[in-house]
Amino acid sequence: MDPSAQTVPGAARAAVLSALRERIVAFAASRYARESAEDLAQEVLVVIHEKYGHLERMEDLVPLAFQILRFKLAAARRKAFRHGEHLESEVELLASPEPDPETQAERSQRLERLAAALTRLGERCRDLFRLKLQGRGFAEIQALMGAESLNTVYTWDHRCRKRLLEEMGGRWE
């Protein structure tokens, strides 16, 4: 068999996948950052290569690729939500790293109020806040604190934050 005859179908598939990749990236980039879109497109193409190597026509690959992409997008959103990335905000860089004396005094007073309020809370609330500050997730806190369900930990967290706010005088600042 002629070796060049074997490379033509592979070249045709590569051309189809290249065109498909551009469509996937364009669609994903309309919903995410360009870097994430590139990664998602790569993940989709890996799935197509590994599981659907028998498909070669663009008409077969486009709906399949976009179905896989929808699953990947949903998984990325769930992961971002689970990790709390939807709550993150931009950090402003200050011109001077050292705050003015008034800001330092306000911060110091706020920290003193917070420390005093924390000492008036129960042990469970202090433990819960300590674990959260260590970066532990609610499922891990459930195991460490011996709660029967995850909803119990959510309830403790809500009540402890409410109690802390009351101890702080009804305002955080």
Protein backbone atom coordinates (compact mmCIF):
# COMPACT_ATOMS: atom_id res chain seq x y z
CA MET A 1 0.00 0.00 0.00
CA ASP A 2 1.27 3.48 -0.88
CA PRO A 3 2.30 5.44 2.28
CA SER A 4 1.03 8.72 0.84
CA ALA A 5 -2.44 7.21 0.53
CA GLN A 6 -2.50 6.65 4.28
CA THR A 7 -1.59 10.25 5.15
CA VAL A 8 -4.33 11.84 3.06
CA PRO A 9 -7.23 10.74 5.34
CA GLY A 10 -5.16 11.78 8.38
CA ALA A 11 -4.46 15.14 6.75
CA ALA A 12 -8.14 15.56 5.93
CA ARG A 13 -9.09 14.75 9.54
CA ALA A 14 -6.43 17.17 10.80
CA ALA A 15 -7.88 19.92 8.60
CA VAL A 16 -11.40 19.18 9.86
CA LEU A 17 -10.22 19.18 13.48
CA SER A 18 -8.31 22.42 12.94
CA ALA A 19 -11.42 24.13 11.57
CA LEU A 20 -13.48 22.62 14.38
CA ARG A 21 -10.98 23.87 16.96
CA GLU A 22 -11.36 27.44 15.69
CA ARG A 23 -15.14 27.23 16.01
CA ILE A 24 -14.86 25.80 19.53
CA VAL A 25 -12.40 28.50 20.63
CA ALA A 26 -14.57 31.27 19.18
CA PHE A 27 -17.66 29.97 20.98
CA ALA A 28 -15.86 29.37 24.29
CA ALA A 29 -14.09 32.76 24.10
CA SER A 30 -17.49 34.44 23.89
CA ARG A 31 -18.22 33.03 27.34
CA TYR A 32 -14.78 32.84 29.00
CA ALA A 33 -11.35 34.41 28.80
CA ARG A 34 -9.32 33.52 25.71
CA GLU A 35 -6.85 31.40 27.72
CA SER A 36 -9.68 29.35 29.20
CA ALA A 37 -11.27 28.99 25.78
CA GLU A 38 -8.03 27.57 24.39
CA ASP A 39 -7.86 25.06 27.25
CA LEU A 40 -11.49 24.04 26.83
CA ALA A 41 -11.01 23.55 23.09
CA GLN A 42 -8.00 21.36 23.76
CA GLU A 43 -9.97 19.27 26.26
CA VAL A 44 -12.82 18.82 23.76
CA LEU A 45 -10.42 17.76 21.02
CA VAL A 46 -8.76 15.25 23.33
CA VAL A 47 -12.14 13.65 24.06
CA ILE A 48 -12.98 13.57 20.36
CA HIS A 49 -9.61 12.02 19.52
CA GLU A 50 -9.78 9.40 22.26
CA LYS A 51 -13.43 8.38 22.06
CA TYR A 52 -14.63 9.36 18.61
CA GLY A 53 -11.67 8.67 16.34
CA HIS A 54 -13.97 6.93 13.86
CA LEU A 55 -15.81 10.19 13.04
CA GLU A 56 -14.23 12.29 10.29
CA ARG A 57 -16.96 14.43 8.74
CA MET A 58 -17.49 17.96 9.96
CA GLU A 59 -21.27 17.36 10.00
CA ASP A 60 -20.75 14.58 12.56
CA LEU A 61 -18.11 16.33 14.64
CA VAL A 62 -19.65 19.79 15.11
CA PRO A 63 -22.73 18.79 17.15
CA LEU A 64 -20.67 16.29 19.11
CA ALA A 65 -17.94 18.85 19.84
CA PHE A 66 -20.42 21.46 21.02
CA GLN A 67 -22.22 18.97 23.24
CA ILE A 68 -18.88 18.05 24.85
CA LEU A 69 -18.04 21.76 25.12
CA ARG A 70 -21.34 22.45 26.93
CA PHE A 71 -20.49 19.74 29.45
CA LYS A 72 -16.98 21.16 29.89
CA LEU A 73 -18.34 24.70 30.34
CA ALA A 74 -20.84 23.52 32.95
CA ALA A 75 -18.10 21.64 34.78
CA ALA A 76 -15.86 24.73 34.73
CA ARG A 77 -18.68 26.87 36.15
CA ARG A 78 -19.40 24.33 38.91
CA LYS A 79 -15.72 24.18 39.79
CA ALA A 80 -15.41 27.97 39.90
CA PHE A 81 -18.50 28.19 42.10
CA ARG A 82 -17.26 25.41 44.39
CA HIS A 83 -13.94 27.16 44.80
CA GLY A 84 -15.58 30.51 45.46
CA GLU A 85 -14.02 32.16 42.42
CA HIS A 86 -17.28 33.97 41.70
CA LEU A 87 -16.76 35.89 44.95
CA GLU A 88 -13.26 37.10 44.20
CA SER A 89 -12.72 40.73 43.31
CA GLU A 90 -9.94 42.73 41.80
CA VAL A 91 -7.26 43.84 44.24
CA GLU A 92 -6.34 47.48 44.10
CA LEU A 93 -2.68 48.27 44.40
CA LEU A 94 -2.08 51.34 46.51
CA ALA A 95 0.52 53.90 45.52
CA SER A 96 2.19 53.66 48.91
CA PRO A 97 2.44 50.32 50.68
CA GLU A 98 2.21 52.01 54.09
CA PRO A 99 -1.28 53.32 54.97
CA ASP A 100 -1.67 56.71 56.58
CA PRO A 101 -1.80 56.92 60.42
CA GLU A 102 -5.56 57.45 60.51
CA THR A 103 -6.18 54.30 58.45
CA GLN A 104 -3.76 52.37 60.67
CA ALA A 105 -5.57 53.54 63.80
CA GLU A 106 -9.00 52.58 62.38
CA ARG A 107 -7.68 49.19 61.38
CA SER A 108 -6.14 48.65 64.79
CA GLN A 109 -9.40 49.56 66.54
CA ARG A 110 -11.39 47.29 64.22
CA LEU A 111 -9.01 44.39 64.95
CA GLU A 112 -9.32 45.02 68.70
CA ARG A 113 -13.14 45.00 68.43
CA LEU A 114 -12.99 41.79 66.38
CA ALA A 115 -10.64 40.08 68.84
CA ALA A 116 -12.85 41.07 71.78
CA ALA A 117 -15.99 39.89 69.98
CA LEU A 118 -14.36 36.56 69.12
CA THR A 119 -13.51 35.90 72.77
CA ARG A 120 -17.20 36.35 73.66
CA LEU A 121 -18.27 33.67 71.15
CA GLY A 122 -18.60 30.02 72.00
CA GLU A 123 -15.87 27.48 71.36
CA ARG A 124 -17.67 25.96 68.38
CA CYS A 125 -17.85 29.35 66.62
CA ARG A 126 -14.19 30.06 67.31
CA ASP A 127 -13.22 26.61 66.00
CA LEU A 128 -15.38 27.11 62.92
CA PHE A 129 -13.82 30.50 62.15
CA ARG A 130 -10.32 29.11 62.75
CA LEU A 131 -10.90 26.25 60.31
CA LYS A 132 -12.36 28.61 57.70
CA LEU A 133 -9.37 30.93 58.04
CA GLN A 134 -7.11 27.93 57.49
CA GLY A 135 -8.84 27.48 54.13
CA ARG A 136 -10.79 24.36 55.03
CA GLY A 137 -13.95 23.64 53.04
CA PHE A 138 -17.32 22.98 54.63
CA ALA A 139 -17.12 19.23 53.95
CA GLU A 140 -13.75 19.05 55.67
CA ILE A 141 -15.04 21.14 58.58
CA GLN A 142 -17.97 18.73 58.89
CA ALA A 143 -15.57 15.82 59.32
CA LEU A 144 -13.25 17.69 61.69
CA MET A 145 -16.03 18.98 63.90
CA GLY A 146 -18.08 15.78 63.83
CA ALA A 147 -21.25 17.28 62.38
CA GLU A 148 -23.85 14.81 61.13
CA SER A 149 -24.59 16.69 57.91
CA LEU A 150 -23.17 19.46 55.78
CA ASN A 151 -26.30 21.52 56.36
CA THR A 152 -25.48 21.50 60.06
CA VAL A 153 -22.14 23.18 59.33
CA TYR A 154 -23.87 25.74 57.09
CA THR A 155 -26.31 26.49 59.92
CA TRP A 156 -23.47 26.84 62.45
CA ASP A 157 -21.64 29.17 60.08
CA HIS A 158 -24.70 31.35 59.56
CA ARG A 159 -25.44 31.56 63.28
CA CYS A 160 -21.81 32.23 64.22
CA ARG A 161 -21.46 35.03 61.66
CA LYS A 162 -24.73 36.54 62.87
CA ARG A 163 -23.58 36.31 66.50
CA LEU A 164 -20.19 37.84 65.63
CA LEU A 165 -21.90 40.74 63.89
CA GLU A 166 -24.03 41.32 66.99
CA GLU A 167 -20.91 41.25 69.19
CA MET A 168 -19.26 43.76 66.83
CA GLY A 169 -22.11 46.19 67.47
CA GLY A 170 -24.19 45.39 64.38
CA ARG A 171 -21.62 46.58 61.84
CA TRP A 172 -18.37 45.21 60.50
CA GLU A 173 -16.54 48.53 60.27
